[in-house]
């Protein structure tokens, strides 16, 4: 029996036993009612406008330097990507990866430039999401588009162990909604937030499943959710972005300090469901609340601070977050390096190679957000 299969059965059995026990607040050591006041119920409503600024300073240039900054390009019922402006002491150009559709600012600096810098400001409007499961709507999407979002990528294959795991997780499900519900619950039950993972993780779901190491961060856990969904024929995609503001519901794990967002990147996901359209999903943030919201690692989704998050993030999310793109296998124009699995962090190269995007202090970039009156 594979490690993944053993883990799945173990967690399923544990969930069955837990269902027969009274709700316990594992973080507090007392009844779940102690934390019942912590509600989390995002709903569509007012739009919020943010100016999001990314500033890159190359402190120790080595030869010619190239920089790529993601530009938000999502326009939907939860985000409006408006104008972007930029300035630099290098040559700049707005560009796109023709295959993935990722929008970016490209800046190039001659070897003679001793203090290369580039600054990009993008204005976006965001609002929260929440699907009404009791209502069906005429949700249409181009057939080719839906087919595209069932295809494998370099980091998200849909065959082999991914397909096998998806079939196990969705056993007994008949509709797409039932399949997605089972996959979401499988992710929450079988994966976990691993704070030691650098950045948002790599999103290599095949390696995760083959090794049985199901700890990671948002780009790992939500990529696994997307891969399992695609493997059973449900269109799904990751959305790569950054948190912009604190959570209005008081969850420190689900918000960010707008004065410094260079470690606030966050990947979310969504699936297309007939009668509902594109629906928000974020099982990775459930794992984050379980691991980081309280001093102790919460091991149950029942009661306390986790239950409302687990419930709301199946079909919704809070609008204190901005998406850059949903691109995968991104080719950076004029780059001498490998393609990117996803494009959520600033990227830069010089004569010494590609700089480390997960080390903003060494790379020296800063991201800030300011809410403005539109």
Protein backbone atom coordinates (compact mmCIF):
# COMPACT_ATOMS: atom_id res chain seq x y z
CA UNK A 1 0.00 0.00 0.00
CA UNK A 2 1.44 3.40 -0.97
CA UNK A 3 2.30 6.09 1.57
CA UNK A 4 -0.36 8.37 0.13
CA UNK A 5 -3.01 5.62 0.35
CA UNK A 6 -2.06 4.83 3.97
CA UNK A 7 -2.21 8.53 4.85
CA UNK A 8 -5.61 8.90 3.19
CA UNK A 9 -7.08 5.94 5.08
CA UNK A 10 -5.56 7.04 8.37
CA UNK A 11 -6.97 10.54 8.08
CA UNK A 12 -10.36 9.25 6.97
CA UNK A 13 -10.51 7.00 10.03
CA UNK A 14 -9.39 9.85 12.27
CA UNK A 15 -12.10 12.10 10.86
CA UNK A 16 -14.72 9.42 11.57
CA UNK A 17 -13.58 9.08 15.17
CA UNK A 18 -13.43 12.85 15.62
CA UNK A 19 -17.00 13.17 14.41
CA UNK A 20 -18.16 11.16 17.43
CA UNK A 21 -16.30 13.35 19.93
CA UNK A 22 -17.33 16.73 21.37
CA UNK A 23 -15.78 19.73 19.61
CA UNK A 24 -12.51 20.72 21.23
CA UNK A 25 -10.58 23.94 20.75
CA UNK A 26 -7.10 22.44 20.47
CA UNK A 27 -5.41 25.83 20.53
CA UNK A 28 -6.99 26.88 23.80
CA UNK A 29 -7.38 23.47 25.43
CA UNK A 30 -11.03 24.20 26.16
CA UNK A 31 -14.44 24.14 24.46
CA UNK A 32 -14.68 25.40 20.93
CA UNK A 33 -17.21 27.96 22.14
CA UNK A 34 -14.30 29.93 23.63
CA UNK A 35 -13.36 31.01 20.13
CA UNK A 36 -16.84 31.09 18.63
CA UNK A 37 -16.74 34.88 18.37
CA UNK A 38 -14.12 34.55 15.63
CA UNK A 39 -16.27 34.60 12.53
CA UNK A 40 -15.03 34.46 8.96
CA UNK A 41 -17.71 35.08 6.37
CA UNK A 42 -16.53 37.08 3.32
CA UNK A 43 -19.31 38.34 1.08
CA UNK A 44 -19.27 40.34 -2.16
CA UNK A 45 -19.98 43.99 -1.53
CA UNK A 46 -18.00 47.19 -1.65
CA UNK A 47 -15.03 47.39 -3.98
CA UNK A 48 -11.71 48.49 -2.50
CA UNK A 49 -9.08 50.30 -4.54
CA UNK A 50 -5.36 49.79 -3.95
CA UNK A 51 -2.18 51.21 -5.42
CA UNK A 52 0.37 48.41 -5.25
CA UNK A 53 4.02 49.43 -5.66
CA UNK A 54 6.98 47.13 -6.27
CA UNK A 55 10.46 48.66 -6.05
CA UNK A 56 13.63 46.81 -7.04
CA UNK A 57 17.14 48.09 -6.30
CA UNK A 58 20.11 46.04 -7.50
CA UNK A 59 22.78 46.70 -4.86
CA UNK A 60 25.65 44.68 -6.32
CA UNK A 61 25.24 44.61 -10.10
CA UNK A 62 27.34 42.15 -12.06
CA UNK A 63 27.44 43.03 -15.71
CA UNK A 64 24.18 43.70 -17.54
CA UNK A 65 21.06 43.28 -15.40
CA UNK A 66 17.52 42.29 -16.40
CA UNK A 67 14.41 42.56 -14.20
CA UNK A 68 10.85 41.24 -14.70
CA UNK A 69 7.96 42.37 -12.50
CA UNK A 70 4.49 40.79 -12.69
CA UNK A 71 1.68 43.19 -13.62
CA UNK A 72 -1.87 42.31 -12.48
CA UNK A 73 -3.94 41.33 -15.51
CA UNK A 74 -7.01 39.66 -13.97
CA UNK A 75 -10.37 41.24 -14.78
CA UNK A 76 -13.32 39.44 -13.25
CA UNK A 77 -16.23 39.74 -10.85
CA UNK A 78 -13.76 39.96 -7.94
CA UNK A 79 -10.91 42.04 -9.40
CA UNK A 80 -10.45 44.92 -11.80
CA UNK A 81 -6.89 45.44 -12.99
CA UNK A 82 -6.61 49.11 -13.90
CA UNK A 83 -3.67 51.25 -14.99
CA UNK A 84 0.01 50.67 -14.24
CA UNK A 85 2.85 53.21 -14.25
CA UNK A 86 6.58 52.81 -13.82
CA UNK A 87 9.91 54.62 -13.79
CA UNK A 88 13.51 53.46 -13.86
CA UNK A 89 17.05 54.42 -14.82
CA UNK A 90 17.11 51.55 -17.31
CA UNK A 91 15.27 50.67 -20.49
CA UNK A 92 11.72 49.57 -19.68
CA UNK A 93 8.98 47.93 -21.67
CA UNK A 94 5.64 46.36 -20.86
CA UNK A 95 5.63 42.82 -22.23
CA UNK A 96 3.75 39.51 -22.08
CA UNK A 97 4.53 35.84 -22.31
CA UNK A 98 2.56 34.93 -25.41
CA UNK A 99 1.89 31.36 -24.31
CA UNK A 100 0.82 31.84 -20.69
CA UNK A 101 -0.58 35.35 -21.00
CA UNK A 102 1.38 36.67 -18.02
CA UNK A 103 1.82 40.46 -18.17
CA UNK A 104 5.06 41.98 -16.95
CA UNK A 105 7.30 45.01 -16.83
CA UNK A 106 10.73 44.31 -18.29
CA UNK A 107 13.70 46.51 -17.35
CA UNK A 108 17.20 46.23 -18.73
CA UNK A 109 20.33 47.90 -17.37
CA UNK A 110 23.73 48.30 -18.98
CA UNK A 111 26.79 46.99 -17.16
CA UNK A 112 27.87 50.60 -16.64
CA UNK A 113 24.81 51.39 -14.48
CA UNK A 114 26.02 51.23 -10.87
CA UNK A 115 22.63 51.68 -9.15
CA UNK A 116 19.94 49.95 -11.22
CA UNK A 117 16.39 50.47 -9.99
CA UNK A 118 12.85 50.07 -11.27
CA UNK A 119 9.53 50.91 -9.63
CA UNK A 120 6.10 49.72 -10.75
CA UNK A 121 2.74 50.93 -9.40
CA UNK A 122 -0.46 49.14 -10.36
CA UNK A 123 -3.97 50.18 -9.38
CA UNK A 124 -6.47 47.40 -8.72
CA UNK A 125 -9.94 47.09 -7.29
CA UNK A 126 -10.91 44.02 -5.31
CA UNK A 127 -13.92 42.59 -3.52
CA UNK A 128 -14.66 39.43 -1.58
CA UNK A 129 -16.18 36.31 -3.12
CA UNK A 130 -18.82 33.85 -1.91
CA UNK A 131 -20.80 31.43 -4.05
CA UNK A 132 -24.48 30.93 -3.37
CA UNK A 133 -24.73 27.14 -3.51
CA UNK A 134 -28.55 27.30 -3.33
CA UNK A 135 -28.83 29.30 -6.55
CA UNK A 136 -27.91 28.24 -10.05
CA UNK A 137 -26.98 30.70 -12.73
CA UNK A 138 -26.28 30.65 -16.43
CA UNK A 139 -22.54 30.21 -16.17
CA UNK A 140 -20.93 30.08 -19.58
CA UNK A 141 -17.34 29.66 -20.58
CA UNK A 142 -15.71 28.96 -23.92
CA UNK A 143 -15.21 25.22 -24.48
CA UNK A 144 -11.59 25.68 -25.53
CA UNK A 145 -10.94 27.70 -22.37
CA UNK A 146 -12.39 24.98 -20.17
CA UNK A 147 -10.36 22.36 -22.01
CA UNK A 148 -7.22 24.43 -21.44
CA UNK A 149 -7.77 24.40 -17.67
CA UNK A 150 -7.88 20.61 -17.57
CA UNK A 151 -4.47 20.25 -19.22
CA UNK A 152 -1.27 19.27 -17.38
CA UNK A 153 1.67 21.61 -16.84
CA UNK A 154 5.28 20.94 -15.90
CA UNK A 155 4.48 21.14 -12.18
CA UNK A 156 0.87 19.91 -12.34
CA UNK A 157 0.64 16.62 -14.24
CA UNK A 158 -2.70 14.82 -14.34
CA UNK A 159 -1.65 11.23 -15.01
CA UNK A 160 0.10 8.56 -12.95
CA UNK A 161 0.03 9.03 -9.21
CA UNK A 162 -1.92 12.30 -9.53
CA UNK A 163 -4.74 10.56 -11.37
CA UNK A 164 -4.65 7.60 -8.98
CA UNK A 165 -4.86 9.86 -5.94
CA UNK A 166 -7.68 11.89 -7.49
CA UNK A 167 -9.74 8.77 -8.17
CA UNK A 168 -9.22 7.56 -4.59
CA UNK A 169 -10.13 10.94 -3.13
CA UNK A 170 -13.32 11.26 -5.20
CA UNK A 171 -14.58 7.69 -4.84
CA UNK A 172 -18.38 7.74 -4.61
CA UNK A 173 -18.74 11.27 -6.04
CA UNK A 174 -20.90 11.69 -9.12
CA UNK A 175 -21.21 15.41 -9.83
CA UNK A 176 -18.41 17.92 -10.26
CA UNK A 177 -19.48 19.69 -7.07
CA UNK A 178 -19.24 16.41 -5.14
CA UNK A 179 -15.81 15.69 -6.65
CA UNK A 180 -14.49 19.13 -5.75
CA UNK A 181 -15.89 18.87 -2.22
CA UNK A 182 -14.12 15.55 -1.69
CA UNK A 183 -10.84 16.88 -3.11
CA UNK A 184 -11.02 19.99 -0.93
CA UNK A 185 -11.64 17.84 2.16
CA UNK A 186 -8.84 15.49 1.11
CA UNK A 187 -6.38 18.37 0.88
CA UNK A 188 -7.38 19.71 4.30
CA UNK A 189 -7.21 16.25 5.90
CA UNK A 190 -4.01 14.96 4.29
CA UNK A 191 -1.74 17.97 3.74
CA UNK A 192 -0.35 20.50 6.17
CA UNK A 193 1.29 23.89 6.31
CA UNK A 194 5.08 23.59 6.61
CA UNK A 195 6.54 26.96 7.72
CA UNK A 196 10.10 25.90 6.82
CA UNK A 197 9.29 25.78 3.10
CA UNK A 198 10.83 28.77 1.31
CA UNK A 199 8.54 31.36 -0.21
CA UNK A 200 5.19 29.90 -1.24
CA UNK A 201 6.70 26.54 -2.20
CA UNK A 202 7.56 25.03 -5.57
CA UNK A 203 4.24 23.39 -6.50
CA UNK A 204 5.80 20.09 -7.63
CA UNK A 205 2.79 17.92 -6.88
CA UNK A 206 4.10 14.69 -8.43
CA UNK A 207 7.11 14.70 -6.10
CA UNK A 208 4.88 15.48 -3.13
CA UNK A 209 2.69 12.46 -3.83
CA UNK A 210 5.53 10.10 -4.73
CA UNK A 211 7.48 10.90 -1.57
CA UNK A 212 4.43 11.12 0.68
CA UNK A 213 5.72 14.48 1.92
CA UNK A 214 2.48 16.46 1.86
CA UNK A 215 3.72 19.46 3.82
CA UNK A 216 4.10 22.74 2.00
CA UNK A 217 2.71 26.20 1.46
CA UNK A 218 0.06 27.72 -0.77
CA UNK A 219 1.76 27.07 -4.13
CA UNK A 220 2.12 23.42 -3.10
CA UNK A 221 -1.24 22.72 -1.48
CA UNK A 222 -3.44 24.67 -3.86
CA UNK A 223 -1.51 23.27 -6.84
CA UNK A 224 -2.30 19.79 -5.52
CA UNK A 225 -5.97 20.76 -5.29
CA UNK A 226 -5.87 22.02 -8.89
CA UNK A 227 -4.06 18.93 -10.15
CA UNK A 228 -6.46 16.48 -8.51
CA UNK A 229 -9.43 18.45 -9.86
CA UNK A 230 -8.06 18.46 -13.40
CA UNK A 231 -7.28 14.74 -13.16
CA UNK A 232 -11.01 13.98 -12.76
CA UNK A 233 -12.02 16.38 -15.52
CA UNK A 234 -12.94 19.49 -13.52
CA UNK A 235 -11.44 22.70 -14.98
CA UNK A 236 -9.27 24.34 -12.31
CA UNK A 237 -6.51 26.92 -12.08
CA UNK A 238 -4.18 28.58 -9.65
CA UNK A 239 -4.18 32.36 -9.23
CA UNK A 240 -0.89 33.91 -8.17
CA UNK A 241 -0.88 37.15 -6.22
CA UNK A 242 -0.23 38.94 -2.96
CA UNK A 243 -2.16 39.86 0.18
CA UNK A 244 -2.70 43.61 0.41
CA UNK A 245 -4.20 44.34 3.83
CA UNK A 246 -5.10 42.82 7.19
CA UNK A 247 -8.11 40.52 7.37
CA UNK A 248 -11.23 42.39 8.39
CA UNK A 249 -12.19 39.31 10.43
CA UNK A 250 -9.18 39.52 12.71
CA UNK A 251 -7.25 36.49 11.41
CA UNK A 252 -3.58 37.40 11.47
CA UNK A 253 -2.70 34.40 9.28
CA UNK A 254 -5.05 35.66 6.54
CA UNK A 255 -3.81 39.23 6.28
CA UNK A 256 -0.70 41.29 5.66
CA UNK A 257 0.95 44.54 6.67
CA UNK A 258 0.53 46.83 3.63
CA UNK A 259 3.76 48.65 4.52
CA UNK A 260 5.80 45.57 3.62
CA UNK A 261 4.33 42.88 1.37
CA UNK A 262 7.51 41.30 -0.02
CA UNK A 263 6.75 38.14 1.97
CA UNK A 264 2.95 38.34 1.53
CA UNK A 265 2.68 36.49 -1.79
CA UNK A 266 -0.20 34.03 -1.83
CA UNK A 267 -1.56 31.56 -4.37
CA UNK A 268 -5.28 30.79 -4.51
CA UNK A 269 -7.34 28.54 -6.78
CA UNK A 270 -10.71 28.26 -8.45
CA UNK A 271 -12.74 25.65 -10.31
CA UNK A 272 -15.41 25.88 -12.97
CA UNK A 273 -18.72 24.31 -11.95
CA UNK A 274 -21.80 24.19 -14.15
CA UNK A 275 -24.52 26.38 -12.73
CA UNK A 276 -22.03 28.41 -10.69
CA UNK A 277 -19.19 29.45 -13.01
CA UNK A 278 -15.70 29.99 -11.66
CA UNK A 279 -15.80 29.32 -7.92
CA UNK A 280 -13.18 30.41 -5.38
CA UNK A 281 -11.25 27.78 -3.41
CA UNK A 282 -8.39 28.03 -0.92
CA UNK A 283 -7.72 24.87 1.12
CA UNK A 284 -4.13 26.05 1.65
CA UNK A 285 -5.34 28.92 3.82
CA UNK A 286 -7.26 26.46 5.98
CA UNK A 287 -3.96 24.70 6.61
CA UNK A 288 -2.32 28.04 7.37
CA UNK A 289 -4.90 28.93 10.00
CA UNK A 290 -4.53 25.49 11.56
CA UNK A 291 -0.75 25.86 11.79
CA UNK A 292 -0.14 29.57 12.38
CA UNK A 293 -3.21 31.35 13.73
CA UNK A 294 -2.57 30.23 17.32
CA UNK A 295 0.62 29.34 19.24
CA UNK A 296 -0.30 25.66 19.06
CA UNK A 297 -0.87 23.66 15.89
CA UNK A 298 -4.63 23.04 15.62
CA UNK A 299 -5.30 19.50 14.41
CA UNK A 300 -9.05 19.70 13.86
CA UNK A 301 -11.31 21.73 11.57
CA UNK A 302 -14.24 21.42 13.99
CA UNK A 303 -15.12 24.48 16.02
CA UNK A 304 -12.75 27.18 17.20
CA UNK A 305 -11.03 29.47 14.76
CA UNK A 306 -10.75 26.92 11.95
CA UNK A 307 -14.35 25.86 11.26
CA UNK A 308 -15.59 29.16 9.78
CA UNK A 309 -12.48 29.42 7.60
CA UNK A 310 -12.80 25.84 6.38
CA UNK A 311 -16.44 26.49 5.55
CA UNK A 312 -16.00 29.88 3.85
CA UNK A 313 -12.94 29.05 1.72
CA UNK A 314 -14.89 26.34 -0.06
CA UNK A 315 -16.52 28.76 -2.46
CA UNK A 316 -15.18 32.11 -1.31
CA UNK A 317 -12.32 34.26 -0.12
CA UNK A 318 -11.69 37.69 1.37
CA UNK A 319 -10.98 40.62 -0.94
CA UNK A 320 -7.80 41.77 0.83
CA UNK A 321 -5.77 40.05 -1.89
CA UNK A 322 -4.78 40.80 -5.48
CA UNK A 323 -4.09 38.31 -8.29
CA UNK A 324 -1.34 38.93 -10.82
CA UNK A 325 -2.16 36.08 -13.20
CA UNK A 326 -3.03 32.41 -13.53
CA UNK A 327 -0.02 31.63 -15.70
CA UNK A 328 2.07 28.46 -15.68
CA UNK A 329 5.29 27.50 -17.47
CA UNK A 330 6.16 31.17 -17.96
CA UNK A 331 8.92 32.12 -20.37
CA UNK A 332 10.56 35.43 -19.41
CA UNK A 333 11.40 37.46 -22.54
CA UNK A 334 15.16 37.95 -23.05
CA UNK A 335 15.94 35.60 -20.19
CA UNK A 336 18.88 33.20 -20.32
CA UNK A 337 17.41 31.09 -17.51
CA UNK A 338 14.77 28.39 -17.28
CA UNK A 339 11.07 29.04 -17.59
CA UNK A 340 9.16 29.66 -14.38
CA UNK A 341 6.58 27.25 -13.00
CA UNK A 342 4.56 30.33 -12.01
CA UNK A 343 5.15 34.10 -11.98
CA UNK A 344 4.31 35.61 -8.59
CA UNK A 345 7.67 37.03 -7.47
CA UNK A 346 9.93 39.66 -9.04
CA UNK A 347 12.62 38.05 -11.17
CA UNK A 348 16.10 39.32 -12.06
CA UNK A 349 19.26 38.09 -13.76
CA UNK A 350 22.79 39.37 -14.14
CA UNK A 351 26.15 37.94 -15.12
CA UNK A 352 26.08 35.77 -12.01
CA UNK A 353 22.75 34.16 -12.97
CA UNK A 354 19.21 34.49 -11.68
CA UNK A 355 18.75 36.22 -8.32
CA UNK A 356 16.89 34.49 -5.49
CA UNK A 357 13.27 35.76 -5.47
CA UNK A 358 12.67 34.24 -2.03
CA UNK A 359 15.31 36.50 -0.47
CA UNK A 360 13.94 40.03 -0.88
CA UNK A 361 16.55 41.51 1.47
CA UNK A 362 19.44 40.21 -0.67
CA UNK A 363 17.60 40.76 -3.94
CA UNK A 364 16.46 44.09 -2.43
CA UNK A 365 12.89 44.51 -3.48
CA UNK A 366 9.94 45.91 -1.58
CA UNK A 367 6.19 45.69 -2.19
CA UNK A 368 3.72 48.06 -0.56
CA UNK A 369 0.01 48.76 -0.92
CA UNK A 370 -2.05 51.86 -0.22
CA UNK A 371 -5.83 51.87 -0.19
CA UNK A 372 -7.18 54.92 -2.02
CA UNK A 373 -10.55 56.48 -2.70
CA UNK A 374 -11.42 55.70 -6.31
